[in-house]
Amino acid sequence: MAEIWYLEIDTETLEGKEAVHERTFHECIELLELTPDKRESGPETVPALKTGNPLVDESGYVYVLMRVTEEEIDDLDDDNWEPGWYKSSVTIVGFENKLRKKPK
């Protein structure tokens, strides 16, 4: 299962944090509107989320990210995906709304 995390822009470690949801990789791709080019880092490295713009970096913005392992990737028939962290452009509110609307 792929993990969905909410990480603040200044996150440097996962200590004290945990994934907020787990979904299949295919579900995450759809819900988070992900593409292979949204990969930020490998699965063991917390991605650098700061933008370099002080106004943005001090805003406290929280990103929705997916962490996927090699095992999930191996189940795909698409070589464009790699294990690691993927950053979504979907906001937390947008993501939670999609979850509520998705049929079970």
Protein backbone atom coordinates (compact mmCIF):
# COMPACT_ATOMS: atom_id res chain seq x y z
CA MET A 1 0.00 0.00 0.00
CA ALA A 2 1.16 3.50 -0.79
CA GLU A 3 1.20 5.96 2.10
CA ILE A 4 -0.33 9.43 1.99
CA TRP A 5 1.32 12.03 4.19
CA TYR A 6 0.60 15.65 5.09
CA LEU A 7 4.01 17.35 5.51
CA GLU A 8 4.73 20.95 6.44
CA ILE A 9 6.99 22.88 4.10
CA ASP A 10 9.85 22.84 6.66
CA THR A 11 9.71 19.09 7.38
CA GLU A 12 13.18 17.59 7.64
CA THR A 13 12.43 14.33 9.44
CA LEU A 14 9.46 11.99 9.87
CA GLU A 15 10.04 11.71 13.62
CA GLY A 16 6.72 12.05 15.41
CA LYS A 17 4.78 11.98 12.14
CA GLU A 18 2.83 9.21 10.47
CA ALA A 19 0.95 8.58 7.27
CA VAL A 20 -2.66 9.79 7.36
CA HIS A 21 -3.97 7.29 4.80
CA GLU A 22 -2.93 4.15 2.96
CA ARG A 23 -4.31 3.34 -0.46
CA THR A 24 -3.30 1.25 -3.43
CA PHE A 25 -0.84 2.93 -5.75
CA HIS A 26 -3.49 3.13 -8.51
CA GLU A 27 -5.92 4.89 -6.15
CA CYS A 28 -3.22 7.37 -5.11
CA ILE A 29 -2.39 8.21 -8.71
CA GLU A 30 -6.03 9.07 -9.34
CA LEU A 31 -6.82 10.82 -6.05
CA LEU A 32 -3.63 12.87 -5.92
CA GLU A 33 -3.48 13.51 -9.69
CA LEU A 34 0.08 12.20 -9.82
CA THR A 35 2.39 11.64 -12.75
CA PRO A 36 5.91 10.16 -12.76
CA ASP A 37 7.46 13.63 -13.00
CA LYS A 38 6.03 14.57 -9.57
CA ARG A 39 8.70 12.42 -7.85
CA GLU A 40 10.63 14.42 -5.26
CA SER A 41 13.05 11.88 -3.74
CA GLY A 42 13.67 8.22 -2.96
CA PRO A 43 11.50 6.45 -0.38
CA GLU A 44 14.04 6.74 2.47
CA THR A 45 14.79 10.46 2.01
CA VAL A 46 12.34 13.10 3.21
CA PRO A 47 11.92 15.45 0.24
CA ALA A 48 13.10 19.05 0.46
CA LEU A 49 9.85 20.99 0.32
CA LYS A 50 11.17 24.52 0.72
CA THR A 51 10.79 26.59 -2.44
CA GLY A 52 13.49 29.20 -1.84
CA ASN A 53 10.84 31.93 -1.77
CA PRO A 54 10.77 33.32 1.82
CA LEU A 55 7.12 34.33 1.54
CA VAL A 56 6.11 30.77 0.63
CA ASP A 57 8.58 28.99 2.91
CA GLU A 58 7.44 30.93 6.00
CA SER A 59 3.75 30.42 5.21
CA GLY A 60 3.39 27.11 7.02
CA TYR A 61 1.95 25.51 3.87
CA VAL A 62 1.34 21.77 4.11
CA TYR A 63 1.79 19.47 1.10
CA VAL A 64 0.02 16.20 0.36
CA LEU A 65 2.62 13.57 -0.55
CA MET A 66 2.59 9.91 -1.40
CA ARG A 67 5.38 7.51 -0.47
CA VAL A 68 5.50 4.35 -2.55
CA THR A 69 7.83 1.37 -2.21
CA GLU A 70 9.55 -0.83 -4.77
CA GLU A 71 6.97 -3.55 -4.05
CA GLU A 72 4.08 -1.32 -5.18
CA ILE A 73 5.98 -0.23 -8.28
CA ASP A 74 6.78 -3.85 -9.22
CA ASP A 75 3.04 -4.54 -9.52
CA LEU A 76 2.73 -1.97 -12.34
CA ASP A 77 3.24 -2.57 -16.03
CA ASP A 78 4.65 0.95 -16.38
CA ASP A 79 8.41 1.57 -16.19
CA ASN A 80 7.99 5.34 -15.80
CA TRP A 81 7.32 5.12 -12.06
CA GLU A 82 10.05 4.76 -9.42
CA PRO A 83 9.81 4.16 -5.68
CA GLY A 84 9.89 7.32 -3.61
CA TRP A 85 8.03 10.43 -2.56
CA TYR A 86 5.61 12.13 -4.95
CA LYS A 87 4.24 15.61 -4.27
CA SER A 88 0.67 16.33 -5.27
CA SER A 89 -0.66 19.69 -6.38
CA VAL A 90 -3.96 18.75 -4.72
CA THR A 91 -4.51 20.52 -1.39
CA ILE A 92 -5.43 18.70 1.83
CA VAL A 93 -8.99 20.03 1.60
CA GLY A 94 -9.25 18.99 -2.05
CA PHE A 95 -7.90 15.53 -1.27
CA GLU A 96 -10.25 14.99 1.68
CA ASN A 97 -13.19 16.10 -0.49
CA LYS A 98 -12.19 13.55 -3.15
CA LEU A 99 -12.05 10.81 -0.50
CA ARG A 100 -15.57 11.65 0.72
CA LYS A 101 -16.96 11.60 -2.84
CA LYS A 102 -15.20 8.38 -3.90
CA PRO A 103 -17.59 5.39 -3.86
CA LYS A 104 -16.53 2.57 -1.59
